[in-house]
Amino acid sequence: LANLGSLGDVLVDGEGRTLYFFSNDASGESACSGGCIESW
């Protein structure tokens, strides 16, 4: 956990890189594939 200012405590990896959720993944499966994965 890293405190990132106004966003509060956020999950980061061991090198401090921020991790994200995708709203289209509410079912628990990934809806991000193809070109999406290049950005995410």
PDB file of all heavy atoms in Angstrom:
ATOM      1  N   LEU A   1       0.851  -1.187   0.000  1.00  0.00           N
ATOM      2  CA  LEU A   1       0.000   0.000   0.000  1.00  0.00           C
ATOM      3  C   LEU A   1       0.888   1.239   0.000  1.00  0.00           C
ATOM      4  O   LEU A   1       1.867   1.314   0.743  1.00  0.00           O
ATOM      5  CB  LEU A   1      -0.902   0.029   1.231  1.00  0.00           C
ATOM      6  CG  LEU A   1      -2.029  -0.995   1.292  1.00  0.00           C
ATOM      7  CD1 LEU A   1      -2.800  -0.865   2.596  1.00  0.00           C
ATOM      8  CD2 LEU A   1      -2.979  -0.824   0.109  1.00  0.00           C
ATOM      9  N   ALA A   2       0.531   2.189  -0.851  1.00  0.00           N
ATOM     10  CA  ALA A   2       1.240   3.464  -0.892  1.00  0.00           C
ATOM     11  C   ALA A   2       0.213   4.573  -0.770  1.00  0.00           C
ATOM     12  O   ALA A   2      -0.847   4.524  -1.407  1.00  0.00           O
ATOM     13  CB  ALA A   2       2.028   3.610  -2.189  1.00  0.00           C
ATOM     14  N   ASN A   3       0.507   5.570   0.057  1.00  0.00           N
ATOM     15  CA  ASN A   3      -0.388   6.715   0.179  1.00  0.00           C
ATOM     16  C   ASN A   3      -0.066   7.701  -0.930  1.00  0.00           C
ATOM     17  O   ASN A   3       1.019   8.281  -0.970  1.00  0.00           O
ATOM     18  CB  ASN A   3      -0.243   7.382   1.546  1.00  0.00           C
ATOM     19  CG  ASN A   3      -1.316   8.425   1.766  1.00  0.00           C
ATOM     20  OD1 ASN A   3      -1.243   9.531   1.243  1.00  0.00           O
ATOM     21  ND2 ASN A   3      -2.338   8.077   2.535  1.00  0.00           N
ATOM     22  N   LEU A   4      -1.022   7.864  -1.846  1.00  0.00           N
ATOM     23  CA  LEU A   4      -0.803   8.685  -3.034  1.00  0.00           C
ATOM     24  C   LEU A   4      -1.678   9.939  -2.989  1.00  0.00           C
ATOM     25  O   LEU A   4      -2.573  10.152  -3.808  1.00  0.00           O
ATOM     26  CB  LEU A   4      -1.062   7.875  -4.301  1.00  0.00           C
ATOM     27  CG  LEU A   4      -0.184   6.626  -4.467  1.00  0.00           C
ATOM     28  CD1 LEU A   4      -0.491   5.917  -5.763  1.00  0.00           C
ATOM     29  CD2 LEU A   4       1.295   6.983  -4.393  1.00  0.00           C
ATOM     30  N   GLY A   5      -1.418  10.749  -1.987  1.00  0.00           N
ATOM     31  CA  GLY A   5      -2.072  12.047  -1.868  1.00  0.00           C
ATOM     32  C   GLY A   5      -3.568  11.961  -1.722  1.00  0.00           C
ATOM     33  O   GLY A   5      -4.092  11.219  -0.888  1.00  0.00           O
ATOM     34  N   SER A   6      -4.289  12.681  -2.578  1.00  0.00           N
ATOM     35  CA  SER A   6      -5.746  12.763  -2.460  1.00  0.00           C
ATOM     36  C   SER A   6      -6.427  11.423  -2.725  1.00  0.00           C
ATOM     37  O   SER A   6      -7.582  11.224  -2.343  1.00  0.00           O
ATOM     38  CB  SER A   6      -6.297  13.811  -3.434  1.00  0.00           C
ATOM     39  OG  SER A   6      -6.008  13.455  -4.772  1.00  0.00           O
ATOM     40  N   LEU A   7      -5.726  10.494  -3.377  1.00  0.00           N
ATOM     41  CA  LEU A   7      -6.312   9.173  -3.657  1.00  0.00           C
ATOM     42  C   LEU A   7      -6.198   8.227  -2.467  1.00  0.00           C
ATOM     43  O   LEU A   7      -6.782   7.150  -2.481  1.00  0.00           O
ATOM     44  CB  LEU A   7      -5.639   8.556  -4.888  1.00  0.00           C
ATOM     45  CG  LEU A   7      -5.910   9.266  -6.218  1.00  0.00           C
ATOM     46  CD1 LEU A   7      -5.069   8.661  -7.333  1.00  0.00           C
ATOM     47  CD2 LEU A   7      -7.392   9.205  -6.574  1.00  0.00           C
ATOM     48  N   GLY A   8      -5.437   8.613  -1.454  1.00  0.00           N
ATOM     49  CA  GLY A   8      -5.306   7.780  -0.266  1.00  0.00           C
ATOM     50  C   GLY A   8      -4.440   6.558  -0.505  1.00  0.00           C
ATOM     51  O   GLY A   8      -3.533   6.572  -1.346  1.00  0.00           O
ATOM     52  N   ASP A   9      -4.738   5.483   0.222  1.00  0.00           N
ATOM     53  CA  ASP A   9      -3.965   4.247   0.108  1.00  0.00           C
ATOM     54  C   ASP A   9      -4.335   3.502  -1.175  1.00  0.00           C
ATOM     55  O   ASP A   9      -5.507   3.208  -1.415  1.00  0.00           O
ATOM     56  CB  ASP A   9      -4.206   3.343   1.314  1.00  0.00           C
ATOM     57  CG  ASP A   9      -3.527   3.853   2.569  1.00  0.00           C
ATOM     58  OD1 ASP A   9      -2.586   4.662   2.444  1.00  0.00           O
ATOM     59  OD2 ASP A   9      -3.931   3.440   3.669  1.00  0.00           O
ATOM     60  N   VAL A  10      -3.307   3.182  -1.960  1.00  0.00           N
ATOM     61  CA  VAL A  10      -3.488   2.548  -3.267  1.00  0.00           C
ATOM     62  C   VAL A  10      -2.563   1.340  -3.356  1.00  0.00           C
ATOM     63  O   VAL A  10      -1.446   1.358  -2.821  1.00  0.00           O
ATOM     64  CB  VAL A  10      -3.172   3.547  -4.396  1.00  0.00           C
ATOM     65  CG1 VAL A  10      -3.212   2.869  -5.759  1.00  0.00           C
ATOM     66  CG2 VAL A  10      -4.144   4.723  -4.362  1.00  0.00           C
ATOM     67  N   LEU A  11      -3.012   0.285  -4.037  1.00  0.00           N
ATOM     68  CA  LEU A  11      -2.171  -0.886  -4.256  1.00  0.00           C
ATOM     69  C   LEU A  11      -1.093  -0.565  -5.291  1.00  0.00           C
ATOM     70  O   LEU A  11      -1.398  -0.038  -6.369  1.00  0.00           O
ATOM     71  CB  LEU A  11      -3.003  -2.073  -4.747  1.00  0.00           C
ATOM     72  CG  LEU A  11      -3.620  -2.998  -3.683  1.00  0.00           C
ATOM     73  CD1 LEU A  11      -4.661  -2.267  -2.860  1.00  0.00           C
ATOM     74  CD2 LEU A  11      -4.255  -4.220  -4.355  1.00  0.00           C
ATOM     75  N   VAL A  12       0.154  -0.902  -4.952  1.00  0.00           N
ATOM     76  CA  VAL A  12       1.277  -0.750  -5.882  1.00  0.00           C
ATOM     77  C   VAL A  12       2.086  -2.047  -5.868  1.00  0.00           C
ATOM     78  O   VAL A  12       1.978  -2.842  -4.936  1.00  0.00           O
ATOM     79  CB  VAL A  12       2.183   0.443  -5.505  1.00  0.00           C
ATOM     80  CG1 VAL A  12       1.403   1.749  -5.548  1.00  0.00           C
ATOM     81  CG2 VAL A  12       2.820   0.251  -4.119  1.00  0.00           C
ATOM     82  N   ASP A  13       2.904  -2.236  -6.914  1.00  0.00           N
ATOM     83  CA  ASP A  13       3.758  -3.414  -6.914  1.00  0.00           C
ATOM     84  C   ASP A  13       5.033  -3.140  -6.127  1.00  0.00           C
ATOM     85  O   ASP A  13       5.185  -2.084  -5.500  1.00  0.00           O
ATOM     86  CB  ASP A  13       4.052  -3.884  -8.346  1.00  0.00           C
ATOM     87  CG  ASP A  13       5.042  -2.986  -9.089  1.00  0.00           C
ATOM     88  OD1 ASP A  13       5.488  -1.955  -8.527  1.00  0.00           O
ATOM     89  OD2 ASP A  13       5.392  -3.313 -10.241  1.00  0.00           O
ATOM     90  N   GLY A  14       5.958  -4.088  -6.131  1.00  0.00           N
ATOM     91  CA  GLY A  14       7.166  -3.962  -5.330  1.00  0.00           C
ATOM     92  C   GLY A  14       8.061  -2.806  -5.717  1.00  0.00           C
ATOM     93  O   GLY A  14       8.911  -2.370  -4.933  1.00  0.00           O
ATOM     94  N   GLU A  15       7.877  -2.279  -6.931  1.00  0.00           N
ATOM     95  CA  GLU A  15       8.661  -1.138  -7.384  1.00  0.00           C
ATOM     96  C   GLU A  15       7.888   0.164  -7.286  1.00  0.00           C
ATOM     97  O   GLU A  15       8.339   1.203  -7.771  1.00  0.00           O
ATOM     98  CB  GLU A  15       9.121  -1.374  -8.830  1.00  0.00           C
ATOM     99  CG  GLU A  15      10.060  -2.576  -8.966  1.00  0.00           C
ATOM    100  CD  GLU A  15      10.500  -2.812 -10.395  1.00  0.00           C
ATOM    101  OE1 GLU A  15       9.933  -2.159 -11.304  1.00  0.00           O
ATOM    102  OE2 GLU A  15      11.416  -3.622 -10.605  1.00  0.00           O
ATOM    103  N   GLY A  16       6.707   0.100  -6.669  1.00  0.00           N
ATOM    104  CA  GLY A  16       5.919   1.307  -6.452  1.00  0.00           C
ATOM    105  C   GLY A  16       5.021   1.693  -7.604  1.00  0.00           C
ATOM    106  O   GLY A  16       4.427   2.778  -7.592  1.00  0.00           O
ATOM    107  N   ARG A  17       4.871   0.825  -8.604  1.00  0.00           N
ATOM    108  CA  ARG A  17       4.010   1.135  -9.746  1.00  0.00           C
ATOM    109  C   ARG A  17       2.548   0.874  -9.392  1.00  0.00           C
ATOM    110  O   ARG A  17       2.194  -0.184  -8.853  1.00  0.00           O
ATOM    111  CB  ARG A  17       4.418   0.326 -10.977  1.00  0.00           C
ATOM    112  CG  ARG A  17       5.753   0.728 -11.570  1.00  0.00           C
ATOM    113  CD  ARG A  17       5.990   0.028 -12.885  1.00  0.00           C
ATOM    114  NE  ARG A  17       4.966   0.364 -13.875  1.00  0.00           N
ATOM    115  CZ  ARG A  17       4.782  -0.310 -15.010  1.00  0.00           C
ATOM    116  NH1 ARG A  17       5.529  -1.379 -15.270  1.00  0.00           N
ATOM    117  NH2 ARG A  17       3.846   0.065 -15.867  1.00  0.00           N
ATOM    118  N   THR A  18       1.702   1.819  -9.731  1.00  0.00           N
ATOM    119  CA  THR A  18       0.288   1.782  -9.367  1.00  0.00           C
ATOM    120  C   THR A  18      -0.462   0.662 -10.097  1.00  0.00           C
ATOM    121  O   THR A  18      -0.218   0.398 -11.278  1.00  0.00           O
ATOM    122  CB  THR A  18      -0.367   3.137  -9.705  1.00  0.00           C
ATOM    123  OG1 THR A  18       0.349   4.181  -9.021  1.00  0.00           O
ATOM    124  CG2 THR A  18      -1.819   3.163  -9.278  1.00  0.00           C
ATOM    125  N   LEU A  19      -1.395   0.032  -9.375  1.00  0.00           N
ATOM    126  CA  LEU A  19      -2.255  -1.005  -9.939  1.00  0.00           C
ATOM    127  C   LEU A  19      -3.686  -0.475 -10.061  1.00  0.00           C
ATOM    128  O   LEU A  19      -4.105   0.390  -9.280  1.00  0.00           O
ATOM    129  CB  LEU A  19      -2.218  -2.260  -9.076  1.00  0.00           C
ATOM    130  CG  LEU A  19      -0.830  -2.896  -8.923  1.00  0.00           C
ATOM    131  CD1 LEU A  19      -0.883  -4.046  -7.919  1.00  0.00           C
ATOM    132  CD2 LEU A  19      -0.310  -3.388 -10.273  1.00  0.00           C
ATOM    133  N   TYR A  20      -4.427  -1.031 -11.035  1.00  0.00           N
ATOM    134  CA  TYR A  20      -5.742  -0.490 -11.385  1.00  0.00           C
ATOM    135  C   TYR A  20      -6.816  -1.567 -11.480  1.00  0.00           C
ATOM    136  O   TYR A  20      -6.536  -2.738 -11.731  1.00  0.00           O
ATOM    137  CB  TYR A  20      -5.660   0.219 -12.751  1.00  0.00           C
ATOM    138  CG  TYR A  20      -4.824   1.470 -12.742  1.00  0.00           C
ATOM    139  CD1 TYR A  20      -3.445   1.403 -12.948  1.00  0.00           C
ATOM    140  CD2 TYR A  20      -5.395   2.726 -12.520  1.00  0.00           C
ATOM    141  CE1 TYR A  20      -2.660   2.549 -12.938  1.00  0.00           C
ATOM    142  CE2 TYR A  20      -4.624   3.876 -12.520  1.00  0.00           C
ATOM    143  CZ  TYR A  20      -3.257   3.786 -12.721  1.00  0.00           C
ATOM    144  OH  TYR A  20      -2.486   4.929 -12.701  1.00  0.00           O
ATOM    145  N   PHE A  21      -8.103  -1.089 -11.303  1.00  0.00           N
ATOM    146  CA  PHE A  21      -9.298  -1.880 -11.573  1.00  0.00           C
ATOM    147  C   PHE A  21      -9.941  -1.371 -12.869  1.00  0.00           C
ATOM    148  O   PHE A  21      -9.834  -0.185 -13.207  1.00  0.00           O
ATOM    149  CB  PHE A  21     -10.349  -1.716 -10.465  1.00  0.00           C
ATOM    150  CG  PHE A  21      -9.980  -2.273  -9.113  1.00  0.00           C
ATOM    151  CD1 PHE A  21     -10.523  -1.701  -7.964  1.00  0.00           C
ATOM    152  CD2 PHE A  21      -9.136  -3.354  -8.976  1.00  0.00           C
ATOM    153  CE1 PHE A  21     -10.226  -2.208  -6.709  1.00  0.00           C
ATOM    154  CE2 PHE A  21      -8.827  -3.868  -7.726  1.00  0.00           C
ATOM    155  CZ  PHE A  21      -9.373  -3.287  -6.581  1.00  0.00           C
ATOM    156  N   PHE A  22     -10.668  -2.259 -13.550  1.00  0.00           N
ATOM    157  CA  PHE A  22     -11.406  -1.924 -14.760  1.00  0.00           C
ATOM    158  C   PHE A  22     -12.888  -2.165 -14.496  1.00  0.00           C
ATOM    159  O   PHE A  22     -13.295  -3.276 -14.139  1.00  0.00           O
ATOM    160  CB  PHE A  22     -10.907  -2.821 -15.904  1.00  0.00           C
ATOM    161  CG  PHE A  22     -11.465  -2.532 -17.262  1.00  0.00           C
ATOM    162  CD1 PHE A  22     -11.856  -1.259 -17.642  1.00  0.00           C
ATOM    163  CD2 PHE A  22     -11.584  -3.566 -18.201  1.00  0.00           C
ATOM    164  CE1 PHE A  22     -12.354  -0.998 -18.913  1.00  0.00           C
ATOM    165  CE2 PHE A  22     -12.073  -3.330 -19.477  1.00  0.00           C
ATOM    166  CZ  PHE A  22     -12.456  -2.041 -19.834  1.00  0.00           C
ATOM    167  N   SER A  23     -13.720  -1.126 -14.684  1.00  0.00           N
ATOM    168  CA  SER A  23     -15.138  -1.228 -14.355  1.00  0.00           C
ATOM    169  C   SER A  23     -15.860  -2.312 -15.149  1.00  0.00           C
ATOM    170  O   SER A  23     -16.862  -2.864 -14.688  1.00  0.00           O
ATOM    171  CB  SER A  23     -15.834   0.117 -14.591  1.00  0.00           C
ATOM    172  OG  SER A  23     -15.423   1.062 -13.635  1.00  0.00           O
ATOM    173  N   ASN A  24     -15.368  -2.623 -16.339  1.00  0.00           N
ATOM    174  CA  ASN A  24     -16.005  -3.649 -17.164  1.00  0.00           C
ATOM    175  C   ASN A  24     -15.742  -5.064 -16.646  1.00  0.00           C
ATOM    176  O   ASN A  24     -16.278  -6.034 -17.185  1.00  0.00           O
ATOM    177  CB  ASN A  24     -15.523  -3.536 -18.603  1.00  0.00           C
ATOM    178  CG  ASN A  24     -15.915  -2.222 -19.251  1.00  0.00           C
ATOM    179  OD1 ASN A  24     -15.659  -1.152 -18.700  1.00  0.00           O
ATOM    180  ND2 ASN A  24     -16.511  -2.269 -20.421  1.00  0.00           N
ATOM    181  N   ASP A  25     -14.931  -5.190 -15.598  1.00  0.00           N
ATOM    182  CA  ASP A  25     -14.572  -6.500 -15.038  1.00  0.00           C
ATOM    183  C   ASP A  25     -15.410  -6.874 -13.818  1.00  0.00           C
ATOM    184  O   ASP A  25     -15.000  -7.711 -13.012  1.00  0.00           O
ATOM    185  CB  ASP A  25     -13.096  -6.508 -14.615  1.00  0.00           C
ATOM    186  CG  ASP A  25     -12.134  -6.458 -15.788  1.00  0.00           C
ATOM    187  OD1 ASP A  25     -12.575  -6.595 -16.935  1.00  0.00           O
ATOM    188  OD2 ASP A  25     -10.928  -6.253 -15.547  1.00  0.00           O
ATOM    189  N   ALA A  26     -16.592  -6.283 -13.667  1.00  0.00           N
ATOM    190  CA  ALA A  26     -17.380  -6.523 -12.451  1.00  0.00           C
ATOM    191  C   ALA A  26     -17.695  -7.994 -12.234  1.00  0.00           C
ATOM    192  O   ALA A  26     -17.852  -8.447 -11.096  1.00  0.00           O
ATOM    193  CB  ALA A  26     -18.679  -5.719 -12.496  1.00  0.00           C
ATOM    194  N   SER A  27     -17.761  -8.776 -13.309  1.00  0.00           N
ATOM    195  CA  SER A  27     -18.072 -10.202 -13.171  1.00  0.00           C
ATOM    196  C   SER A  27     -16.911 -10.994 -12.585  1.00  0.00           C
ATOM    197  O   SER A  27     -17.073 -12.146 -12.187  1.00  0.00           O
ATOM    198  CB  SER A  27     -18.433 -10.796 -14.534  1.00  0.00           C
ATOM    199  OG  SER A  27     -17.292 -10.823 -15.382  1.00  0.00           O
ATOM    200  N   GLY A  28     -15.725 -10.387 -12.556  1.00  0.00           N
ATOM    201  CA  GLY A  28     -14.536 -11.079 -12.065  1.00  0.00           C
ATOM    202  C   GLY A  28     -13.653 -11.617 -13.171  1.00  0.00           C
ATOM    203  O   GLY A  28     -12.541 -12.068 -12.912  1.00  0.00           O
ATOM    204  N   GLU A  29     -14.143 -11.582 -14.406  1.00  0.00           N
ATOM    205  CA  GLU A  29     -13.341 -11.964 -15.567  1.00  0.00           C
ATOM    206  C   GLU A  29     -12.812 -10.712 -16.243  1.00  0.00           C
ATOM    207  O   GLU A  29     -13.429  -9.646 -16.162  1.00  0.00           O
ATOM    208  CB  GLU A  29     -14.180 -12.781 -16.556  1.00  0.00           C
ATOM    209  CG  GLU A  29     -14.724 -14.078 -15.980  1.00  0.00           C
ATOM    210  CD  GLU A  29     -13.613 -15.029 -15.568  1.00  0.00           C
ATOM    211  OE1 GLU A  29     -12.596 -15.104 -16.275  1.00  0.00           O
ATOM    212  OE2 GLU A  29     -13.768 -15.701 -14.527  1.00  0.00           O
ATOM    213  N   SER A  30     -11.671 -10.841 -16.933  1.00  0.00           N
ATOM    214  CA  SER A  30     -11.086  -9.679 -17.593  1.00  0.00           C
ATOM    215  C   SER A  30     -11.780  -9.401 -18.918  1.00  0.00           C
ATOM    216  O   SER A  30     -11.901 -10.280 -19.776  1.00  0.00           O
ATOM    217  CB  SER A  30      -9.591  -9.889 -17.839  1.00  0.00           C
ATOM    218  OG  SER A  30      -9.072  -8.829 -18.624  1.00  0.00           O
ATOM    219  N   ALA A  31     -12.229  -8.144 -19.082  1.00  0.00           N
ATOM    220  CA  ALA A  31     -12.824  -7.704 -20.339  1.00  0.00           C
ATOM    221  C   ALA A  31     -11.821  -6.914 -21.169  1.00  0.00           C
ATOM    222  O   ALA A  31     -12.193  -6.301 -22.177  1.00  0.00           O
ATOM    223  CB  ALA A  31     -14.062  -6.855 -20.061  1.00  0.00           C
ATOM    224  N   CYS A  32     -10.562  -6.918 -20.750  1.00  0.00           N
ATOM    225  CA  CYS A  32      -9.506  -6.179 -21.445  1.00  0.00           C
ATOM    226  C   CYS A  32      -8.621  -7.173 -22.186  1.00  0.00           C
ATOM    227  O   CYS A  32      -7.986  -8.034 -21.576  1.00  0.00           O
ATOM    228  CB  CYS A  32      -8.674  -5.380 -20.439  1.00  0.00           C
ATOM    229  SG  CYS A  32      -7.324  -4.410 -21.162  1.00  0.00           S
ATOM    230  N   SER A  33      -8.586  -7.056 -23.520  1.00  0.00           N
ATOM    231  CA  SER A  33      -7.767  -7.956 -24.328  1.00  0.00           C
ATOM    232  C   SER A  33      -7.327  -7.217 -25.584  1.00  0.00           C
ATOM    233  O   SER A  33      -7.724  -6.067 -25.825  1.00  0.00           O
ATOM    234  CB  SER A  33      -8.546  -9.234 -24.687  1.00  0.00           C
ATOM    235  OG  SER A  33      -9.712  -8.911 -25.423  1.00  0.00           O
ATOM    236  N   GLY A  34      -6.525  -7.877 -26.413  1.00  0.00           N
ATOM    237  CA  GLY A  34      -6.089  -7.264 -27.657  1.00  0.00           C
ATOM    238  C   GLY A  34      -5.340  -5.969 -27.420  1.00  0.00           C
ATOM    239  O   GLY A  34      -4.434  -5.879 -26.594  1.00  0.00           O
ATOM    240  N   GLY A  35      -5.732  -4.925 -28.121  1.00  0.00           N
ATOM    241  CA  GLY A  35      -5.074  -3.628 -27.994  1.00  0.00           C
ATOM    242  C   GLY A  35      -5.210  -3.019 -26.611  1.00  0.00           C
ATOM    243  O   GLY A  35      -4.358  -2.223 -26.186  1.00  0.00           O
ATOM    244  N   CYS A  36      -6.272  -3.394 -25.903  1.00  0.00           N
ATOM    245  CA  CYS A  36      -6.468  -2.884 -24.537  1.00  0.00           C
ATOM    246  C   CYS A  36      -5.276  -3.237 -23.653  1.00  0.00           C
ATOM    247  O   CYS A  36      -4.812  -2.419 -22.852  1.00  0.00           O
ATOM    248  CB  CYS A  36      -7.758  -3.457 -23.952  1.00  0.00           C
ATOM    249  SG  CYS A  36      -8.066  -3.059 -22.219  1.00  0.00           S
ATOM    250  N   ILE A  37      -4.754  -4.455 -23.799  1.00  0.00           N
ATOM    251  CA  ILE A  37      -3.657  -4.922 -22.952  1.00  0.00           C
ATOM    252  C   ILE A  37      -2.368  -4.145 -23.227  1.00  0.00           C
ATOM    253  O   ILE A  37      -1.504  -4.034 -22.352  1.00  0.00           O
ATOM    254  CB  ILE A  37      -3.442  -6.438 -23.137  1.00  0.00           C
ATOM    255  CG1 ILE A  37      -4.619  -7.201 -22.530  1.00  0.00           C
ATOM    256  CG2 ILE A  37      -2.149  -6.912 -22.494  1.00  0.00           C
ATOM    257  CD1 ILE A  37      -4.796  -6.996 -21.044  1.00  0.00           C
ATOM    258  N   GLU A  38      -2.238  -3.582 -24.415  1.00  0.00           N
ATOM    259  CA  GLU A  38      -1.056  -2.773 -24.700  1.00  0.00           C
ATOM    260  C   GLU A  38      -1.028  -1.533 -23.817  1.00  0.00           C
ATOM    261  O   GLU A  38       0.040  -1.078 -23.401  1.00  0.00           O
ATOM    262  CB  GLU A  38      -1.036  -2.379 -26.177  1.00  0.00           C
ATOM    263  CG  GLU A  38      -0.878  -3.566 -27.123  1.00  0.00           C
ATOM    264  CD  GLU A  38      -0.913  -3.156 -28.579  1.00  0.00           C
ATOM    265  OE1 GLU A  38      -0.883  -1.925 -28.853  1.00  0.00           O
ATOM    266  OE2 GLU A  38      -0.973  -4.045 -29.442  1.00  0.00           O
ATOM    267  N   SER A  39      -2.195  -0.983 -23.548  1.00  0.00           N
ATOM    268  CA  SER A  39      -2.283   0.199 -22.677  1.00  0.00           C
ATOM    269  C   SER A  39      -2.405  -0.167 -21.209  1.00  0.00           C
ATOM    270  O   SER A  39      -1.995   0.605 -20.337  1.00  0.00           O
ATOM    271  CB  SER A  39      -3.491   1.054 -23.079  1.00  0.00           C
ATOM    272  OG  SER A  39      -3.347   1.564 -24.380  1.00  0.00           O
ATOM    273  N   TRP A  40      -2.950  -1.354 -20.949  1.00  0.00           N
ATOM    274  CA  TRP A  40      -3.213  -1.790 -19.574  1.00  0.00           C
ATOM    275  C   TRP A  40      -2.630  -3.187 -19.362  1.00  0.00           C
ATOM    276  O   TRP A  40      -3.361  -4.180 -19.322  1.00  0.00           O
ATOM    277  CB  TRP A  40      -4.717  -1.779 -19.297  1.00  0.00           C
ATOM    278  CG  TRP A  40      -5.330  -0.430 -19.513  1.00  0.00           C
ATOM    279  CD1 TRP A  40      -5.906   0.027 -20.660  1.00  0.00           C
ATOM    280  CD2 TRP A  40      -5.390   0.653 -18.573  1.00  0.00           C
ATOM    281  NE1 TRP A  40      -6.338   1.320 -20.489  1.00  0.00           N
ATOM    282  CE2 TRP A  40      -6.037   1.731 -19.220  1.00  0.00           C
ATOM    283  CE3 TRP A  40      -4.979   0.796 -17.250  1.00  0.00           C
ATOM    284  CZ2 TRP A  40      -6.261   2.952 -18.593  1.00  0.00           C
ATOM    285  CZ3 TRP A  40      -5.201   2.009 -16.616  1.00  0.00           C
ATOM    286  CH2 TRP A  40      -5.837   3.072 -17.275  1.00  0.00           C
TER     287      TRP A  40
END
